[in-house]
């Protein structure tokens, strides 16, 4: 496989992941962090960092909006729920050493 095709396939997989997570608003970021060690915010930060590394100025909020498809504050208001004590405890345990 040539590099351009690989890049296009990786980009397509990323877009599909982004779109899937946009549809699964029932899955909270804390759940993703507890299970996978990353969440939507991580993905948006990695997107922002990749842009910045290529000389494209992008703020944290611009990266989040590009990933969430709306301003982050709006997404939080619409979809984010308060973390339960169990979720918080799992996060403390899973994030130890990170």
C-alpha atoms as a PDB file:
ATOM      1  CA  UNK A   1       0.000   0.000   0.000  1.00  0.00           C
ATOM      2  CA  UNK A   2       1.365   3.413  -0.890  1.00  0.00           C
ATOM      3  CA  UNK A   3       1.668   6.180   1.721  1.00  0.00           C
ATOM      4  CA  UNK A   4      -1.101   8.348   0.278  1.00  0.00           C
ATOM      5  CA  UNK A   5      -3.602   5.486   0.358  1.00  0.00           C
ATOM      6  CA  UNK A   6      -2.598   4.635   3.938  1.00  0.00           C
ATOM      7  CA  UNK A   7      -3.058   8.274   4.987  1.00  0.00           C
ATOM      8  CA  UNK A   8      -6.479   8.408   3.324  1.00  0.00           C
ATOM      9  CA  UNK A   9      -7.570   5.194   5.043  1.00  0.00           C
ATOM     10  CA  UNK A  10      -6.341   6.439   8.423  1.00  0.00           C
ATOM     11  CA  UNK A  11      -8.182   9.725   7.908  1.00  0.00           C
ATOM     12  CA  UNK A  12     -11.365   7.872   6.938  1.00  0.00           C
ATOM     13  CA  UNK A  13     -11.119   5.704  10.068  1.00  0.00           C
ATOM     14  CA  UNK A  14     -10.617   8.809  12.223  1.00  0.00           C
ATOM     15  CA  UNK A  15     -13.643  10.526  10.674  1.00  0.00           C
ATOM     16  CA  UNK A  16     -15.737   7.414  11.244  1.00  0.00           C
ATOM     17  CA  UNK A  17     -14.642   7.284  14.900  1.00  0.00           C
ATOM     18  CA  UNK A  18     -15.435  10.996  15.305  1.00  0.00           C
ATOM     19  CA  UNK A  19     -18.864  10.557  13.719  1.00  0.00           C
ATOM     20  CA  UNK A  20     -19.593   7.437  15.767  1.00  0.00           C
ATOM     21  CA  UNK A  21     -18.759   9.271  18.995  1.00  0.00           C
ATOM     22  CA  UNK A  22     -20.934  12.206  17.897  1.00  0.00           C
ATOM     23  CA  UNK A  23     -23.864   9.808  17.583  1.00  0.00           C
ATOM     24  CA  UNK A  24     -23.136   8.033  20.888  1.00  0.00           C
ATOM     25  CA  UNK A  25     -23.879  10.966  23.158  1.00  0.00           C
ATOM     26  CA  UNK A  26     -24.944   8.447  25.812  1.00  0.00           C
ATOM     27  CA  UNK A  27     -21.288   7.474  26.237  1.00  0.00           C
ATOM     28  CA  UNK A  28     -19.696   9.953  28.592  1.00  0.00           C
ATOM     29  CA  UNK A  29     -16.072  11.047  28.322  1.00  0.00           C
ATOM     30  CA  UNK A  30     -15.375   9.735  31.830  1.00  0.00           C
ATOM     31  CA  UNK A  31     -16.593   6.285  30.735  1.00  0.00           C
ATOM     32  CA  UNK A  32     -14.203   6.381  27.784  1.00  0.00           C
ATOM     33  CA  UNK A  33     -11.338   7.469  30.033  1.00  0.00           C
ATOM     34  CA  UNK A  34     -12.106   4.700  32.517  1.00  0.00           C
ATOM     35  CA  UNK A  35     -12.261   2.003  29.850  1.00  0.00           C
ATOM     36  CA  UNK A  36      -9.862   3.148  27.144  1.00  0.00           C
ATOM     37  CA  UNK A  37      -7.625   5.780  28.695  1.00  0.00           C
ATOM     38  CA  UNK A  38      -8.698   8.470  26.206  1.00  0.00           C
ATOM     39  CA  UNK A  39     -11.838  10.434  25.402  1.00  0.00           C
ATOM     40  CA  UNK A  40     -13.245  12.963  22.955  1.00  0.00           C
ATOM     41  CA  UNK A  41     -11.177  15.706  24.583  1.00  0.00           C
ATOM     42  CA  UNK A  42      -8.001  13.698  24.029  1.00  0.00           C
ATOM     43  CA  UNK A  43      -8.898  13.188  20.373  1.00  0.00           C
ATOM     44  CA  UNK A  44      -9.632  16.886  19.912  1.00  0.00           C
ATOM     45  CA  UNK A  45      -6.322  17.778  21.602  1.00  0.00           C
ATOM     46  CA  UNK A  46      -4.409  15.361  19.368  1.00  0.00           C
ATOM     47  CA  UNK A  47      -6.118  16.973  16.368  1.00  0.00           C
ATOM     48  CA  UNK A  48      -5.129  20.435  17.591  1.00  0.00           C
ATOM     49  CA  UNK A  49      -1.555  19.347  18.284  1.00  0.00           C
ATOM     50  CA  UNK A  50      -1.264  17.823  14.799  1.00  0.00           C
ATOM     51  CA  UNK A  51      -2.446  21.106  13.286  1.00  0.00           C
ATOM     52  CA  UNK A  52      -0.030  23.132  15.407  1.00  0.00           C
ATOM     53  CA  UNK A  53       2.869  20.824  14.475  1.00  0.00           C
ATOM     54  CA  UNK A  54       2.133  21.621  10.836  1.00  0.00           C
ATOM     55  CA  UNK A  55       2.154  25.377  11.439  1.00  0.00           C
ATOM     56  CA  UNK A  56      -1.640  25.712  11.526  1.00  0.00           C
ATOM     57  CA  UNK A  57      -2.712  27.878  14.430  1.00  0.00           C
ATOM     58  CA  UNK A  58      -5.528  26.170  16.291  1.00  0.00           C
ATOM     59  CA  UNK A  59      -6.609  26.823  19.867  1.00  0.00           C
ATOM     60  CA  UNK A  60      -7.849  24.200  22.283  1.00  0.00           C
ATOM     61  CA  UNK A  61     -11.415  25.430  21.766  1.00  0.00           C
ATOM     62  CA  UNK A  62     -11.059  25.373  17.970  1.00  0.00           C
ATOM     63  CA  UNK A  63      -9.764  21.804  18.160  1.00  0.00           C
ATOM     64  CA  UNK A  64     -12.690  20.787  20.338  1.00  0.00           C
ATOM     65  CA  UNK A  65     -15.204  22.438  18.029  1.00  0.00           C
ATOM     66  CA  UNK A  66     -13.651  20.688  15.034  1.00  0.00           C
ATOM     67  CA  UNK A  67     -14.006  17.340  16.807  1.00  0.00           C
ATOM     68  CA  UNK A  68     -17.350  17.839  18.584  1.00  0.00           C
ATOM     69  CA  UNK A  69     -18.993  19.590  15.629  1.00  0.00           C
ATOM     70  CA  UNK A  70     -20.128  22.426  17.887  1.00  0.00           C
ATOM     71  CA  UNK A  71     -18.659  24.576  20.644  1.00  0.00           C
ATOM     72  CA  UNK A  72     -17.594  22.369  23.547  1.00  0.00           C
ATOM     73  CA  UNK A  73     -19.739  24.317  26.027  1.00  0.00           C
ATOM     74  CA  UNK A  74     -22.785  23.595  23.884  1.00  0.00           C
ATOM     75  CA  UNK A  75     -21.958  19.874  23.713  1.00  0.00           C
ATOM     76  CA  UNK A  76     -21.498  19.723  27.482  1.00  0.00           C
ATOM     77  CA  UNK A  77     -24.812  21.482  28.074  1.00  0.00           C
ATOM     78  CA  UNK A  78     -26.670  19.145  25.720  1.00  0.00           C
ATOM     79  CA  UNK A  79     -25.054  15.804  26.505  1.00  0.00           C
ATOM     80  CA  UNK A  80     -22.737  15.719  29.506  1.00  0.00           C
ATOM     81  CA  UNK A  81     -24.148  14.325  32.724  1.00  0.00           C
ATOM     82  CA  UNK A  82     -22.781  14.599  36.222  1.00  0.00           C
ATOM     83  CA  UNK A  83     -20.302  11.824  36.931  1.00  0.00           C
ATOM     84  CA  UNK A  84     -21.414   9.306  39.503  1.00  0.00           C
ATOM     85  CA  UNK A  85     -19.320   8.505  42.550  1.00  0.00           C
ATOM     86  CA  UNK A  86     -18.531   5.122  40.984  1.00  0.00           C
ATOM     87  CA  UNK A  87     -17.336   6.784  37.755  1.00  0.00           C
ATOM     88  CA  UNK A  88     -15.204   9.230  39.728  1.00  0.00           C
ATOM     89  CA  UNK A  89     -13.671   6.431  41.801  1.00  0.00           C
ATOM     90  CA  UNK A  90     -12.936   4.384  38.664  1.00  0.00           C
ATOM     91  CA  UNK A  91     -11.336   7.457  37.079  1.00  0.00           C
ATOM     92  CA  UNK A  92      -9.100   8.020  40.100  1.00  0.00           C
ATOM     93  CA  UNK A  93      -8.002   4.382  39.942  1.00  0.00           C
ATOM     94  CA  UNK A  94      -7.533   4.246  36.160  1.00  0.00           C
ATOM     95  CA  UNK A  95      -5.738   7.581  35.872  1.00  0.00           C
ATOM     96  CA  UNK A  96      -3.191   6.866  38.596  1.00  0.00           C
ATOM     97  CA  UNK A  97       0.261   7.074  37.100  1.00  0.00           C
ATOM     98  CA  UNK A  98      -0.824   8.947  33.953  1.00  0.00           C
END
